[in-house]
């Protein structure tokens, strides 16, 4: 969540599709939007 344009952070998924994320600093909470794209860039999930 951001007051202006949201700058995405890259997340690295493991082989089974799992991942971890954490927030740092103040005012980094509220909703975070997560996206995933397959290798062919034809299937997307949010």
ModelCIF file with pLDDT and N, C-alpha, C, O atoms, coordinates in Angstrom:
data_MODEL
#
_entry.id   MODEL 
#
_entity.id                         1 
_entity.type                       polymer 
_entity.pdbx_number_of_molecules   1 
#
_entity_poly.entity_id                      1 
_entity_poly.type                           'polypeptide(L)' 
_entity_poly.nstd_linkage                   no 
_entity_poly.nstd_monomer                   no 
_entity_poly.pdbx_seq_one_letter_code       
;(UNK)(UNK)(UNK)(UNK)(UNK)(UNK)(UNK)(UNK)(UNK)(UNK)(UNK)(UNK)(UNK)(UNK)(UNK)(UNK)
(UNK)(UNK)(UNK)(UNK)(UNK)(UNK)(UNK)(UNK)(UNK)(UNK)(UNK)(UNK)(UNK)(UNK)(UNK)(UNK)
(UNK)(UNK)(UNK)(UNK)(UNK)(UNK)(UNK)(UNK)(UNK)(UNK)(UNK)(UNK)(UNK)(UNK)
;
_entity_poly.pdbx_seq_one_letter_code_can   XXXXXXXXXXXXXXXXXXXXXXXXXXXXXXXXXXXXXXXXXXXXXX 
_entity_poly.pdbx_strand_id                 A 
#
loop_
_entity_poly_seq.entity_id 
_entity_poly_seq.num 
_entity_poly_seq.mon_id 
_entity_poly_seq.hetero 
1 1  UNK n 
1 2  UNK n 
1 3  UNK n 
1 4  UNK n 
1 5  UNK n 
1 6  UNK n 
1 7  UNK n 
1 8  UNK n 
1 9  UNK n 
1 10 UNK n 
1 11 UNK n 
1 12 UNK n 
1 13 UNK n 
1 14 UNK n 
1 15 UNK n 
1 16 UNK n 
1 17 UNK n 
1 18 UNK n 
1 19 UNK n 
1 20 UNK n 
1 21 UNK n 
1 22 UNK n 
1 23 UNK n 
1 24 UNK n 
1 25 UNK n 
1 26 UNK n 
1 27 UNK n 
1 28 UNK n 
1 29 UNK n 
1 30 UNK n 
1 31 UNK n 
1 32 UNK n 
1 33 UNK n 
1 34 UNK n 
1 35 UNK n 
1 36 UNK n 
1 37 UNK n 
1 38 UNK n 
1 39 UNK n 
1 40 UNK n 
1 41 UNK n 
1 42 UNK n 
1 43 UNK n 
1 44 UNK n 
1 45 UNK n 
1 46 UNK n 
#
_struct_asym.id          A 
_struct_asym.entity_id   1 
#
loop_
_ma_qa_metric.id 
_ma_qa_metric.mode 
_ma_qa_metric.name 
_ma_qa_metric.software_group_id 
_ma_qa_metric.type 
1 global pLDDT . pLDDT 
2 local  pLDDT . pLDDT 
#
_ma_qa_metric_global.metric_id      1 
_ma_qa_metric_global.metric_value   76.96 
_ma_qa_metric_global.model_id       1 
_ma_qa_metric_global.ordinal_id     1 
#
loop_
_ma_qa_metric_local.label_asym_id 
_ma_qa_metric_local.label_comp_id 
_ma_qa_metric_local.label_seq_id 
_ma_qa_metric_local.metric_id 
_ma_qa_metric_local.metric_value 
_ma_qa_metric_local.model_id 
_ma_qa_metric_local.ordinal_id 
A UNK 1  2 78.00 1 1  
A UNK 2  2 77.00 1 2  
A UNK 3  2 79.00 1 3  
A UNK 4  2 79.00 1 4  
A UNK 5  2 83.00 1 5  
A UNK 6  2 80.00 1 6  
A UNK 7  2 82.00 1 7  
A UNK 8  2 79.00 1 8  
A UNK 9  2 81.00 1 9  
A UNK 10 2 80.00 1 10 
A UNK 11 2 78.00 1 11 
A UNK 12 2 74.00 1 12 
A UNK 13 2 68.00 1 13 
A UNK 14 2 67.00 1 14 
A UNK 15 2 66.00 1 15 
A UNK 16 2 65.00 1 16 
A UNK 17 2 62.00 1 17 
A UNK 18 2 64.00 1 18 
A UNK 19 2 61.00 1 19 
A UNK 20 2 63.00 1 20 
A UNK 21 2 61.00 1 21 
A UNK 22 2 64.00 1 22 
A UNK 23 2 63.00 1 23 
A UNK 24 2 63.00 1 24 
A UNK 25 2 61.00 1 25 
A UNK 26 2 62.00 1 26 
A UNK 27 2 63.00 1 27 
A UNK 28 2 67.00 1 28 
A UNK 29 2 65.00 1 29 
A UNK 30 2 74.00 1 30 
A UNK 31 2 80.00 1 31 
A UNK 32 2 85.00 1 32 
A UNK 33 2 86.00 1 33 
A UNK 34 2 89.00 1 34 
A UNK 35 2 92.00 1 35 
A UNK 36 2 90.00 1 36 
A UNK 37 2 91.00 1 37 
A UNK 38 2 89.00 1 38 
A UNK 39 2 84.00 1 39 
A UNK 40 2 88.00 1 40 
A UNK 41 2 86.00 1 41 
A UNK 42 2 93.00 1 42 
A UNK 43 2 95.00 1 43 
A UNK 44 2 95.00 1 44 
A UNK 45 2 94.00 1 45 
A UNK 46 2 94.00 1 46 
#
loop_
_atom_site.group_PDB 
_atom_site.id 
_atom_site.type_symbol 
_atom_site.label_atom_id 
_atom_site.label_alt_id 
_atom_site.label_comp_id 
_atom_site.label_asym_id 
_atom_site.label_entity_id 
_atom_site.label_seq_id 
_atom_site.pdbx_PDB_ins_code 
_atom_site.Cartn_x 
_atom_site.Cartn_y 
_atom_site.Cartn_z 
_atom_site.occupancy 
_atom_site.B_iso_or_equiv 
_atom_site.pdbx_formal_charge 
_atom_site.auth_seq_id 
_atom_site.auth_comp_id 
_atom_site.auth_asym_id 
_atom_site.auth_atom_id 
_atom_site.pdbx_PDB_model_num 
ATOM 1   N N  . UNK A 1 1  ? 0.850  -1.188  0.000   1.00 78.00 ? 1  UNK A N  1 
ATOM 2   C CA . UNK A 1 1  ? 0.000  0.000   0.000   1.00 78.00 ? 1  UNK A CA 1 
ATOM 3   C C  . UNK A 1 1  ? 0.884  1.235   0.000   1.00 78.00 ? 1  UNK A C  1 
ATOM 4   O O  . UNK A 1 1  ? 1.924  1.267   0.657   1.00 78.00 ? 1  UNK A O  1 
ATOM 5   N N  . UNK A 1 2  ? 0.461  2.253   -0.744  1.00 77.00 ? 2  UNK A N  1 
ATOM 6   C CA . UNK A 1 2  ? 1.297  3.431   -0.902  1.00 77.00 ? 2  UNK A CA 1 
ATOM 7   C C  . UNK A 1 2  ? 0.427  4.649   -1.152  1.00 77.00 ? 2  UNK A C  1 
ATOM 8   O O  . UNK A 1 2  ? -0.677 4.531   -1.685  1.00 77.00 ? 2  UNK A O  1 
ATOM 9   N N  . UNK A 1 3  ? 0.921  5.815   -0.770  1.00 79.00 ? 3  UNK A N  1 
ATOM 10  C CA . UNK A 1 3  ? 0.196  7.049   -1.025  1.00 79.00 ? 3  UNK A CA 1 
ATOM 11  C C  . UNK A 1 3  ? 0.259  7.428   -2.504  1.00 79.00 ? 3  UNK A C  1 
ATOM 12  O O  . UNK A 1 3  ? -0.635 8.110   -3.007  1.00 79.00 ? 3  UNK A O  1 
ATOM 13  N N  . UNK A 1 4  ? 1.298  6.995   -3.195  1.00 79.00 ? 4  UNK A N  1 
ATOM 14  C CA . UNK A 1 4  ? 1.451  7.235   -4.623  1.00 79.00 ? 4  UNK A CA 1 
ATOM 15  C C  . UNK A 1 4  ? 1.561  5.911   -5.357  1.00 79.00 ? 4  UNK A C  1 
ATOM 16  O O  . UNK A 1 4  ? 0.923  4.930   -4.976  1.00 79.00 ? 4  UNK A O  1 
ATOM 17  N N  . UNK A 1 5  ? 2.374  5.881   -6.418  1.00 83.00 ? 5  UNK A N  1 
ATOM 18  C CA . UNK A 1 5  ? 2.570  4.631   -7.161  1.00 83.00 ? 5  UNK A CA 1 
ATOM 19  C C  . UNK A 1 5  ? 3.255  3.604   -6.272  1.00 83.00 ? 5  UNK A C  1 
ATOM 20  O O  . UNK A 1 5  ? 4.243  3.908   -5.604  1.00 83.00 ? 5  UNK A O  1 
ATOM 21  N N  . UNK A 1 6  ? 2.728  2.396   -6.269  1.00 80.00 ? 6  UNK A N  1 
ATOM 22  C CA . UNK A 1 6  ? 3.304  1.321   -5.465  1.00 80.00 ? 6  UNK A CA 1 
ATOM 23  C C  . UNK A 1 6  ? 4.480  0.705   -6.225  1.00 80.00 ? 6  UNK A C  1 
ATOM 24  O O  . UNK A 1 6  ? 4.317  0.208   -7.339  1.00 80.00 ? 6  UNK A O  1 
ATOM 25  N N  . UNK A 1 7  ? 5.658  0.744   -5.617  1.00 82.00 ? 7  UNK A N  1 
ATOM 26  C CA . UNK A 1 7  ? 6.860  0.166   -6.225  1.00 82.00 ? 7  UNK A CA 1 
ATOM 27  C C  . UNK A 1 7  ? 6.982  -1.284  -5.761  1.00 82.00 ? 7  UNK A C  1 
ATOM 28  O O  . UNK A 1 7  ? 7.143  -1.530  -4.566  1.00 82.00 ? 7  UNK A O  1 
ATOM 29  N N  . UNK A 1 8  ? 6.910  -2.253  -6.684  1.00 79.00 ? 8  UNK A N  1 
ATOM 30  C CA . UNK A 1 8  ? 6.896  -3.655  -6.265  1.00 79.00 ? 8  UNK A CA 1 
ATOM 31  C C  . UNK A 1 8  ? 8.248  -4.146  -5.758  1.00 79.00 ? 8  UNK A C  1 
ATOM 32  O O  . UNK A 1 8  ? 9.304  -3.697  -6.205  1.00 79.00 ? 8  UNK A O  1 
ATOM 33  N N  . UNK A 1 9  ? 8.184  -5.071  -4.824  1.00 81.00 ? 9  UNK A N  1 
ATOM 34  C CA . UNK A 1 9  ? 9.359  -5.787  -4.338  1.00 81.00 ? 9  UNK A CA 1 
ATOM 35  C C  . UNK A 1 9  ? 9.359  -7.175  -4.942  1.00 81.00 ? 9  UNK A C  1 
ATOM 36  O O  . UNK A 1 9  ? 8.302  -7.798  -5.040  1.00 81.00 ? 9  UNK A O  1 
ATOM 37  N N  . UNK A 1 10 ? 10.517 -7.680  -5.352  1.00 80.00 ? 10 UNK A N  1 
ATOM 38  C CA . UNK A 1 10 ? 10.618 -9.007  -5.928  1.00 80.00 ? 10 UNK A CA 1 
ATOM 39  C C  . UNK A 1 10 ? 10.637 -10.064 -4.820  1.00 80.00 ? 10 UNK A C  1 
ATOM 40  O O  . UNK A 1 10 ? 11.334 -9.910  -3.818  1.00 80.00 ? 10 UNK A O  1 
ATOM 41  N N  . UNK A 1 11 ? 9.874  -11.126 -5.009  1.00 78.00 ? 11 UNK A N  1 
ATOM 42  C CA . UNK A 1 11 ? 9.836  -12.242 -4.069  1.00 78.00 ? 11 UNK A CA 1 
ATOM 43  C C  . UNK A 1 11 ? 10.299 -13.503 -4.789  1.00 78.00 ? 11 UNK A C  1 
ATOM 44  O O  . UNK A 1 11 ? 9.929  -13.733 -5.940  1.00 78.00 ? 11 UNK A O  1 
ATOM 45  N N  . UNK A 1 12 ? 11.090 -14.303 -4.132  1.00 74.00 ? 12 UNK A N  1 
ATOM 46  C CA . UNK A 1 12 ? 11.599 -15.536 -4.722  1.00 74.00 ? 12 UNK A CA 1 
ATOM 47  C C  . UNK A 1 12 ? 10.854 -16.739 -4.158  1.00 74.00 ? 12 UNK A C  1 
ATOM 48  O O  . UNK A 1 12 ? 10.876 -16.984 -2.952  1.00 74.00 ? 12 UNK A O  1 
ATOM 49  N N  . UNK A 1 13 ? 10.198 -17.482 -5.038  1.00 68.00 ? 13 UNK A N  1 
ATOM 50  C CA . UNK A 1 13 ? 9.460  -18.675 -4.621  1.00 68.00 ? 13 UNK A CA 1 
ATOM 51  C C  . UNK A 1 13 ? 10.370 -19.898 -4.698  1.00 68.00 ? 13 UNK A C  1 
ATOM 52  O O  . UNK A 1 13 ? 11.271 -19.959 -5.534  1.00 68.00 ? 13 UNK A O  1 
ATOM 53  N N  . UNK A 1 14 ? 10.129 -20.863 -3.826  1.00 67.00 ? 14 UNK A N  1 
ATOM 54  C CA . UNK A 1 14 ? 10.874 -22.118 -3.853  1.00 67.00 ? 14 UNK A CA 1 
ATOM 55  C C  . UNK A 1 14 ? 10.260 -23.048 -4.886  1.00 67.00 ? 14 UNK A C  1 
ATOM 56  O O  . UNK A 1 14 ? 9.280  -22.701 -5.544  1.00 67.00 ? 14 UNK A O  1 
ATOM 57  N N  . UNK A 1 15 ? 10.847 -24.240 -5.023  1.00 66.00 ? 15 UNK A N  1 
ATOM 58  C CA . UNK A 1 15 ? 10.380 -25.195 -6.022  1.00 66.00 ? 15 UNK A CA 1 
ATOM 59  C C  . UNK A 1 15 ? 8.947  -25.635 -5.823  1.00 66.00 ? 15 UNK A C  1 
ATOM 60  O O  . UNK A 1 15 ? 8.271  -25.978 -6.793  1.00 66.00 ? 15 UNK A O  1 
ATOM 61  N N  . UNK A 1 16 ? 8.461  -25.633 -4.579  1.00 65.00 ? 16 UNK A N  1 
ATOM 62  C CA . UNK A 1 16 ? 7.085  -26.060 -4.337  1.00 65.00 ? 16 UNK A CA 1 
ATOM 63  C C  . UNK A 1 16 ? 6.105  -24.890 -4.388  1.00 65.00 ? 16 UNK A C  1 
ATOM 64  O O  . UNK A 1 16 ? 4.923  -25.055 -4.086  1.00 65.00 ? 16 UNK A O  1 
ATOM 65  N N  . UNK A 1 17 ? 6.591  -23.713 -4.767  1.00 62.00 ? 17 UNK A N  1 
ATOM 66  C CA . UNK A 1 17 ? 5.709  -22.559 -4.911  1.00 62.00 ? 17 UNK A CA 1 
ATOM 67  C C  . UNK A 1 17 ? 5.563  -21.730 -3.656  1.00 62.00 ? 17 UNK A C  1 
ATOM 68  O O  . UNK A 1 17 ? 4.884  -20.704 -3.690  1.00 62.00 ? 17 UNK A O  1 
ATOM 69  N N  . UNK A 1 18 ? 6.166  -22.124 -2.553  1.00 64.00 ? 18 UNK A N  1 
ATOM 70  C CA . UNK A 1 18 ? 6.045  -21.361 -1.314  1.00 64.00 ? 18 UNK A CA 1 
ATOM 71  C C  . UNK A 1 18 ? 7.043  -20.202 -1.303  1.00 64.00 ? 18 UNK A C  1 
ATOM 72  O O  . UNK A 1 18 ? 8.021  -20.200 -2.050  1.00 64.00 ? 18 UNK A O  1 
ATOM 73  N N  . UNK A 1 19 ? 6.781  -19.233 -0.456  1.00 61.00 ? 19 UNK A N  1 
ATOM 74  C CA . UNK A 1 19 ? 7.647  -18.073 -0.346  1.00 61.00 ? 19 UNK A CA 1 
ATOM 75  C C  . UNK A 1 19 ? 7.444  -17.450 1.019   1.00 61.00 ? 19 UNK A C  1 
ATOM 76  O O  . UNK A 1 19 ? 6.493  -17.778 1.728   1.00 61.00 ? 19 UNK A O  1 
ATOM 77  N N  . UNK A 1 20 ? 8.330  -16.563 1.377   1.00 63.00 ? 20 UNK A N  1 
ATOM 78  C CA . UNK A 1 20 ? 8.189  -15.827 2.632   1.00 63.00 ? 20 UNK A CA 1 
ATOM 79  C C  . UNK A 1 20 ? 8.348  -14.348 2.345   1.00 63.00 ? 20 UNK A C  1 
ATOM 80  O O  . UNK A 1 20 ? 9.040  -13.952 1.408   1.00 63.00 ? 20 UNK A O  1 
ATOM 81  N N  . UNK A 1 21 ? 7.701  -13.543 3.160   1.00 61.00 ? 21 UNK A N  1 
ATOM 82  C CA . UNK A 1 21 ? 7.815  -12.099 3.011   1.00 61.00 ? 21 UNK A CA 1 
ATOM 83  C C  . UNK A 1 21 ? 7.749  -11.451 4.372   1.00 61.00 ? 21 UNK A C  1 
ATOM 84  O O  . UNK A 1 21 ? 7.146  -11.992 5.299   1.00 61.00 ? 21 UNK A O  1 
ATOM 85  N N  . UNK A 1 22 ? 8.364  -10.300 4.493   1.00 64.00 ? 22 UNK A N  1 
ATOM 86  C CA . UNK A 1 22 ? 8.309  -9.551  5.731   1.00 64.00 ? 22 UNK A CA 1 
ATOM 87  C C  . UNK A 1 22 ? 8.313  -8.077  5.400   1.00 64.00 ? 22 UNK A C  1 
ATOM 88  O O  . UNK A 1 22 ? 8.745  -7.668  4.322   1.00 64.00 ? 22 UNK A O  1 
ATOM 89  N N  . UNK A 1 23 ? 7.833  -7.294  6.324   1.00 63.00 ? 23 UNK A N  1 
ATOM 90  C CA . UNK A 1 23 ? 7.817  -5.850  6.127   1.00 63.00 ? 23 UNK A CA 1 
ATOM 91  C C  . UNK A 1 23 ? 8.833  -5.225  7.057   1.00 63.00 ? 23 UNK A C  1 
ATOM 92  O O  . UNK A 1 23 ? 9.067  -5.714  8.163   1.00 63.00 ? 23 UNK A O  1 
ATOM 93  N N  . UNK A 1 24 ? 9.420  -4.165  6.610   1.00 63.00 ? 24 UNK A N  1 
ATOM 94  C CA . UNK A 1 24 ? 10.426 -3.500  7.424   1.00 63.00 ? 24 UNK A CA 1 
ATOM 95  C C  . UNK A 1 24 ? 10.147 -2.019  7.548   1.00 63.00 ? 24 UNK A C  1 
ATOM 96  O O  . UNK A 1 24 ? 9.596  -1.407  6.632   1.00 63.00 ? 24 UNK A O  1 
ATOM 97  N N  . UNK A 1 25 ? 10.519 -1.444  8.664   1.00 61.00 ? 25 UNK A N  1 
ATOM 98  C CA . UNK A 1 25 ? 10.326 -0.021  8.857   1.00 61.00 ? 25 UNK A CA 1 
ATOM 99  C C  . UNK A 1 25 ? 8.903  0.323   9.244   1.00 61.00 ? 25 UNK A C  1 
ATOM 100 O O  . UNK A 1 25 ? 8.033  -0.544  9.331   1.00 61.00 ? 25 UNK A O  1 
ATOM 101 N N  . UNK A 1 26 ? 8.687  1.601   9.473   1.00 62.00 ? 26 UNK A N  1 
ATOM 102 C CA . UNK A 1 26 ? 7.376  2.067   9.895   1.00 62.00 ? 26 UNK A CA 1 
ATOM 103 C C  . UNK A 1 26 ? 6.461  2.277   8.693   1.00 62.00 ? 26 UNK A C  1 
ATOM 104 O O  . UNK A 1 26 ? 6.908  2.511   7.570   1.00 62.00 ? 26 UNK A O  1 
ATOM 105 N N  . UNK A 1 27 ? 5.181  2.185   8.968   1.00 63.00 ? 27 UNK A N  1 
ATOM 106 C CA . UNK A 1 27 ? 4.156  2.464   7.956   1.00 63.00 ? 27 UNK A CA 1 
ATOM 107 C C  . UNK A 1 27 ? 4.274  1.585   6.718   1.00 63.00 ? 27 UNK A C  1 
ATOM 108 O O  . UNK A 1 27 ? 4.038  2.040   5.599   1.00 63.00 ? 27 UNK A O  1 
ATOM 109 N N  . UNK A 1 28 ? 4.642  0.323   6.924   1.00 67.00 ? 28 UNK A N  1 
ATOM 110 C CA . UNK A 1 28 ? 4.739  -0.626  5.818   1.00 67.00 ? 28 UNK A CA 1 
ATOM 111 C C  . UNK A 1 28 ? 3.661  -1.711  5.902   1.00 67.00 ? 28 UNK A C  1 
ATOM 112 O O  . UNK A 1 28 ? 3.731  -2.727  5.209   1.00 67.00 ? 28 UNK A O  1 
ATOM 113 N N  . UNK A 1 29 ? 2.664  -1.481  6.760   1.00 65.00 ? 29 UNK A N  1 
ATOM 114 C CA . UNK A 1 29 ? 1.631  -2.496  6.942   1.00 65.00 ? 29 UNK A CA 1 
ATOM 115 C C  . UNK A 1 29 ? 0.456  -2.292  6.016   1.00 65.00 ? 29 UNK A C  1 
ATOM 116 O O  . UNK A 1 29 ? 0.609  -1.799  4.899   1.00 65.00 ? 29 UNK A O  1 
ATOM 117 N N  . UNK A 1 30 ? -0.731 -2.676  6.489   1.00 74.00 ? 30 UNK A N  1 
ATOM 118 C CA . UNK A 1 30 ? -1.963 -2.655  5.716   1.00 74.00 ? 30 UNK A CA 1 
ATOM 119 C C  . UNK A 1 30 ? -1.879 -3.730  4.622   1.00 74.00 ? 30 UNK A C  1 
ATOM 120 O O  . UNK A 1 30 ? -1.118 -4.689  4.749   1.00 74.00 ? 30 UNK A O  1 
ATOM 121 N N  . UNK A 1 31 ? -2.664 -3.565  3.549   1.00 80.00 ? 31 UNK A N  1 
ATOM 122 C CA . UNK A 1 31 ? -2.704 -4.582  2.506   1.00 80.00 ? 31 UNK A CA 1 
ATOM 123 C C  . UNK A 1 31 ? -1.461 -4.538  1.617   1.00 80.00 ? 31 UNK A C  1 
ATOM 124 O O  . UNK A 1 31 ? -0.955 -3.470  1.271   1.00 80.00 ? 31 UNK A O  1 
ATOM 125 N N  . UNK A 1 32 ? -0.978 -5.750  1.254   1.00 85.00 ? 32 UNK A N  1 
ATOM 126 C CA . UNK A 1 32 ? 0.055  -5.930  0.242   1.00 85.00 ? 32 UNK A CA 1 
ATOM 127 C C  . UNK A 1 32 ? -0.531 -6.802  -0.864  1.00 85.00 ? 32 UNK A C  1 
ATOM 128 O O  . UNK A 1 32 ? -1.169 -7.819  -0.590  1.00 85.00 ? 32 UNK A O  1 
ATOM 129 N N  . UNK A 1 33 ? -0.310 -6.399  -2.112  1.00 86.00 ? 33 UNK A N  1 
ATOM 130 C CA . UNK A 1 33 ? -0.828 -7.131  -3.276  1.00 86.00 ? 33 UNK A CA 1 
ATOM 131 C C  . UNK A 1 33 ? 0.288  -8.005  -3.846  1.00 86.00 ? 33 UNK A C  1 
ATOM 132 O O  . UNK A 1 33 ? 1.368  -7.507  -4.164  1.00 86.00 ? 33 UNK A O  1 
ATOM 133 N N  . UNK A 1 34 ? 0.027  -9.313  -3.976  1.00 89.00 ? 34 UNK A N  1 
ATOM 134 C CA . UNK A 1 34 ? 1.025  -10.256 -4.457  1.00 89.00 ? 34 UNK A CA 1 
ATOM 135 C C  . UNK A 1 34 ? 0.633  -10.794 -5.825  1.00 89.00 ? 34 UNK A C  1 
ATOM 136 O O  . UNK A 1 34 ? -0.518 -11.172 -6.042  1.00 89.00 ? 34 UNK A O  1 
ATOM 137 N N  . UNK A 1 35 ? 1.591  -10.829 -6.749  1.00 92.00 ? 35 UNK A N  1 
ATOM 138 C CA . UNK A 1 35 ? 1.325  -11.347 -8.088  1.00 92.00 ? 35 UNK A CA 1 
ATOM 139 C C  . UNK A 1 35 ? 2.342  -12.432 -8.435  1.00 92.00 ? 35 UNK A C  1 
ATOM 140 O O  . UNK A 1 35 ? 3.471  -12.431 -7.944  1.00 92.00 ? 35 UNK A O  1 
ATOM 141 N N  . UNK A 1 36 ? 1.916  -13.351 -9.288  1.00 90.00 ? 36 UNK A N  1 
ATOM 142 C CA . UNK A 1 36 ? 2.800  -14.411 -9.795  1.00 90.00 ? 36 UNK A CA 1 
ATOM 143 C C  . UNK A 1 36 ? 2.523  -14.591 -11.277 1.00 90.00 ? 36 UNK A C  1 
ATOM 144 O O  . UNK A 1 36 ? 1.380  -14.491 -11.722 1.00 90.00 ? 36 UNK A O  1 
ATOM 145 N N  . UNK A 1 37 ? 3.575  -14.857 -12.037 1.00 91.00 ? 37 UNK A N  1 
ATOM 146 C CA . UNK A 1 37 ? 3.486  -15.049 -13.485 1.00 91.00 ? 37 UNK A CA 1 
ATOM 147 C C  . UNK A 1 37 ? 4.238  -16.308 -13.874 1.00 91.00 ? 37 UNK A C  1 
ATOM 148 O O  . UNK A 1 37 ? 5.325  -16.559 -13.353 1.00 91.00 ? 37 UNK A O  1 
ATOM 149 N N  . UNK A 1 38 ? 3.675  -17.119 -14.792 1.00 89.00 ? 38 UNK A N  1 
ATOM 150 C CA . UNK A 1 38 ? 4.378  -18.321 -15.213 1.00 89.00 ? 38 UNK A CA 1 
ATOM 151 C C  . UNK A 1 38 ? 5.491  -17.975 -16.205 1.00 89.00 ? 38 UNK A C  1 
ATOM 152 O O  . UNK A 1 38 ? 5.616  -16.825 -16.625 1.00 89.00 ? 38 UNK A O  1 
ATOM 153 N N  . UNK A 1 39 ? 6.301  -18.977 -16.577 1.00 84.00 ? 39 UNK A N  1 
ATOM 154 C CA . UNK A 1 39 ? 7.463  -18.741 -17.426 1.00 84.00 ? 39 UNK A CA 1 
ATOM 155 C C  . UNK A 1 39 ? 7.088  -18.220 -18.806 1.00 84.00 ? 39 UNK A C  1 
ATOM 156 O O  . UNK A 1 39 ? 7.852  -17.472 -19.416 1.00 84.00 ? 39 UNK A O  1 
ATOM 157 N N  . UNK A 1 40 ? 5.917  -18.610 -19.303 1.00 88.00 ? 40 UNK A N  1 
ATOM 158 C CA . UNK A 1 40 ? 5.480  -18.163 -20.626 1.00 88.00 ? 40 UNK A CA 1 
ATOM 159 C C  . UNK A 1 40 ? 4.760  -16.803 -20.583 1.00 88.00 ? 40 UNK A C  1 
ATOM 160 O O  . UNK A 1 40 ? 4.356  -16.269 -21.616 1.00 88.00 ? 40 UNK A O  1 
ATOM 161 N N  . UNK A 1 41 ? 4.611  -16.268 -19.391 1.00 86.00 ? 41 UNK A N  1 
ATOM 162 C CA . UNK A 1 41 ? 3.909  -15.004 -19.185 1.00 86.00 ? 41 UNK A CA 1 
ATOM 163 C C  . UNK A 1 41 ? 2.521  -15.025 -19.819 1.00 86.00 ? 41 UNK A C  1 
ATOM 164 O O  . UNK A 1 41 ? 2.086  -14.064 -20.454 1.00 86.00 ? 41 UNK A O  1 
ATOM 165 N N  . UNK A 1 42 ? 1.844  -16.154 -19.625 1.00 93.00 ? 42 UNK A N  1 
ATOM 166 C CA . UNK A 1 42 ? 0.479  -16.286 -20.138 1.00 93.00 ? 42 UNK A CA 1 
ATOM 167 C C  . UNK A 1 42 ? -0.522 -16.607 -19.038 1.00 93.00 ? 42 UNK A C  1 
ATOM 168 O O  . UNK A 1 42 ? -1.731 -16.544 -19.258 1.00 93.00 ? 42 UNK A O  1 
ATOM 169 N N  . UNK A 1 43 ? -0.022 -16.950 -17.853 1.00 95.00 ? 43 UNK A N  1 
ATOM 170 C CA . UNK A 1 43 ? -0.904 -17.230 -16.724 1.00 95.00 ? 43 UNK A CA 1 
ATOM 171 C C  . UNK A 1 43 ? -0.457 -16.391 -15.536 1.00 95.00 ? 43 UNK A C  1 
ATOM 172 O O  . UNK A 1 43 ? 0.728  -16.321 -15.207 1.00 95.00 ? 43 UNK A O  1 
ATOM 173 N N  . UNK A 1 44 ? -1.442 -15.757 -14.901 1.00 95.00 ? 44 UNK A N  1 
ATOM 174 C CA . UNK A 1 44 ? -1.151 -14.835 -13.814 1.00 95.00 ? 44 UNK A CA 1 
ATOM 175 C C  . UNK A 1 44 ? -2.041 -15.154 -12.611 1.00 95.00 ? 44 UNK A C  1 
ATOM 176 O O  . UNK A 1 44 ? -3.169 -15.622 -12.768 1.00 95.00 ? 44 UNK A O  1 
ATOM 177 N N  . UNK A 1 45 ? -1.529 -14.900 -11.433 1.00 94.00 ? 45 UNK A N  1 
ATOM 178 C CA . UNK A 1 45 ? -2.311 -15.095 -10.210 1.00 94.00 ? 45 UNK A CA 1 
ATOM 179 C C  . UNK A 1 45 ? -2.037 -13.942 -9.262  1.00 94.00 ? 45 UNK A C  1 
ATOM 180 O O  . UNK A 1 45 ? -0.917 -13.437 -9.190  1.00 94.00 ? 45 UNK A O  1 
ATOM 181 N N  . UNK A 1 46 ? -3.061 -13.532 -8.541  1.00 94.00 ? 46 UNK A N  1 
ATOM 182 C CA . UNK A 1 46 ? -2.937 -12.434 -7.579  1.00 94.00 ? 46 UNK A CA 1 
ATOM 183 C C  . UNK A 1 46 ? -3.638 -12.795 -6.281  1.00 94.00 ? 46 UNK A C  1 
ATOM 184 O O  . UNK A 1 46 ? -3.647 -11.999 -5.342  1.00 94.00 ? 46 UNK A O  1 
#
